[in-house]
């Protein structure tokens, strides 16, 4: 079973509420890799595009035909 941390979620609450503070604290913990390794350094994967992928992305960019 795969677990993902992504979700489309809308929360409406006062900015000074405990709920909003808990969400902000959680985001910062994940963003800063506090207490665990949640993300890897950008530099580790930034140059990982193959020539074929770069060509595909270029064609998608100029044709505006893409899924992202």
C-alpha atoms as a PDB file:
ATOM      1  CA  UNK A   1       0.000   0.000   0.000  1.00  0.00           C
ATOM      2  CA  UNK A   2       1.344   3.374  -0.997  1.00  0.00           C
ATOM      3  CA  UNK A   3       0.836   6.453   1.124  1.00  0.00           C
ATOM      4  CA  UNK A   4       0.954   9.961  -0.288  1.00  0.00           C
ATOM      5  CA  UNK A   5       1.086  13.257   1.536  1.00  0.00           C
ATOM      6  CA  UNK A   6      -0.610  15.133  -1.288  1.00  0.00           C
ATOM      7  CA  UNK A   7      -4.248  16.106  -1.179  1.00  0.00           C
ATOM      8  CA  UNK A   8      -6.589  18.751  -2.444  1.00  0.00           C
ATOM      9  CA  UNK A   9      -8.031  20.108   0.741  1.00  0.00           C
ATOM     10  CA  UNK A  10      -9.652  23.416   1.511  1.00  0.00           C
ATOM     11  CA  UNK A  11      -9.789  24.565   5.123  1.00  0.00           C
ATOM     12  CA  UNK A  12     -11.689  27.641   6.190  1.00  0.00           C
ATOM     13  CA  UNK A  13     -10.749  28.787   9.680  1.00  0.00           C
ATOM     14  CA  UNK A  14      -9.591  31.952  11.438  1.00  0.00           C
ATOM     15  CA  UNK A  15      -5.853  32.555  10.994  1.00  0.00           C
ATOM     16  CA  UNK A  16      -5.295  32.562  14.737  1.00  0.00           C
ATOM     17  CA  UNK A  17      -7.126  29.268  15.360  1.00  0.00           C
ATOM     18  CA  UNK A  18      -5.446  26.192  16.814  1.00  0.00           C
ATOM     19  CA  UNK A  19      -6.312  24.228  13.655  1.00  0.00           C
ATOM     20  CA  UNK A  20      -4.500  26.676  11.387  1.00  0.00           C
ATOM     21  CA  UNK A  21      -1.484  26.717  13.714  1.00  0.00           C
ATOM     22  CA  UNK A  22      -1.338  22.912  13.700  1.00  0.00           C
ATOM     23  CA  UNK A  23      -1.484  22.844   9.894  1.00  0.00           C
ATOM     24  CA  UNK A  24       1.281  25.455   9.624  1.00  0.00           C
ATOM     25  CA  UNK A  25       3.435  23.562  12.132  1.00  0.00           C
ATOM     26  CA  UNK A  26       2.948  20.323  10.175  1.00  0.00           C
ATOM     27  CA  UNK A  27       3.813  22.013   6.870  1.00  0.00           C
ATOM     28  CA  UNK A  28       6.988  23.530   8.315  1.00  0.00           C
ATOM     29  CA  UNK A  29       8.032  20.176   9.817  1.00  0.00           C
ATOM     30  CA  UNK A  30       7.691  18.476   6.427  1.00  0.00           C
ATOM     31  CA  UNK A  31       9.205  21.396   4.480  1.00  0.00           C
ATOM     32  CA  UNK A  32      12.247  21.647   6.767  1.00  0.00           C
ATOM     33  CA  UNK A  33      12.720  17.842   7.214  1.00  0.00           C
ATOM     34  CA  UNK A  34      12.345  18.144  10.985  1.00  0.00           C
ATOM     35  CA  UNK A  35      12.206  14.847  12.922  1.00  0.00           C
ATOM     36  CA  UNK A  36      12.653  12.782   9.727  1.00  0.00           C
ATOM     37  CA  UNK A  37      13.736  12.863   6.076  1.00  0.00           C
ATOM     38  CA  UNK A  38      10.610  13.792   4.091  1.00  0.00           C
ATOM     39  CA  UNK A  39      12.232  15.264   0.986  1.00  0.00           C
ATOM     40  CA  UNK A  40      15.573  15.082  -0.810  1.00  0.00           C
ATOM     41  CA  UNK A  41      17.819  17.903  -1.913  1.00  0.00           C
ATOM     42  CA  UNK A  42      16.873  19.445  -5.246  1.00  0.00           C
ATOM     43  CA  UNK A  43      20.431  19.137  -6.520  1.00  0.00           C
ATOM     44  CA  UNK A  44      20.248  15.351  -6.163  1.00  0.00           C
ATOM     45  CA  UNK A  45      17.682  15.117  -8.990  1.00  0.00           C
ATOM     46  CA  UNK A  46      17.858  18.445 -10.819  1.00  0.00           C
ATOM     47  CA  UNK A  47      20.025  17.144 -13.650  1.00  0.00           C
ATOM     48  CA  UNK A  48      18.261  13.804 -14.043  1.00  0.00           C
ATOM     49  CA  UNK A  49      16.479  14.591 -17.334  1.00  0.00           C
ATOM     50  CA  UNK A  50      17.527  12.451 -20.251  1.00  0.00           C
ATOM     51  CA  UNK A  51      17.880  13.889 -23.742  1.00  0.00           C
ATOM     52  CA  UNK A  52      14.628  12.173 -24.744  1.00  0.00           C
ATOM     53  CA  UNK A  53      12.730  13.755 -21.844  1.00  0.00           C
ATOM     54  CA  UNK A  54      14.159  17.175 -22.604  1.00  0.00           C
ATOM     55  CA  UNK A  55      13.067  16.797 -26.237  1.00  0.00           C
ATOM     56  CA  UNK A  56       9.583  15.688 -25.196  1.00  0.00           C
ATOM     57  CA  UNK A  57       9.213  18.640 -22.822  1.00  0.00           C
ATOM     58  CA  UNK A  58      10.398  21.009 -25.543  1.00  0.00           C
ATOM     59  CA  UNK A  59       7.816  19.655 -28.011  1.00  0.00           C
ATOM     60  CA  UNK A  60       5.106  19.932 -25.343  1.00  0.00           C
ATOM     61  CA  UNK A  61       6.131  23.501 -24.623  1.00  0.00           C
ATOM     62  CA  UNK A  62       6.032  24.700 -28.214  1.00  0.00           C
ATOM     63  CA  UNK A  63       2.834  22.802 -29.129  1.00  0.00           C
ATOM     64  CA  UNK A  64       1.077  23.556 -25.834  1.00  0.00           C
ATOM     65  CA  UNK A  65       0.031  19.887 -25.823  1.00  0.00           C
ATOM     66  CA  UNK A  66       0.740  18.600 -22.342  1.00  0.00           C
ATOM     67  CA  UNK A  67      -0.789  16.930 -19.314  1.00  0.00           C
ATOM     68  CA  UNK A  68       0.658  19.241 -16.672  1.00  0.00           C
END
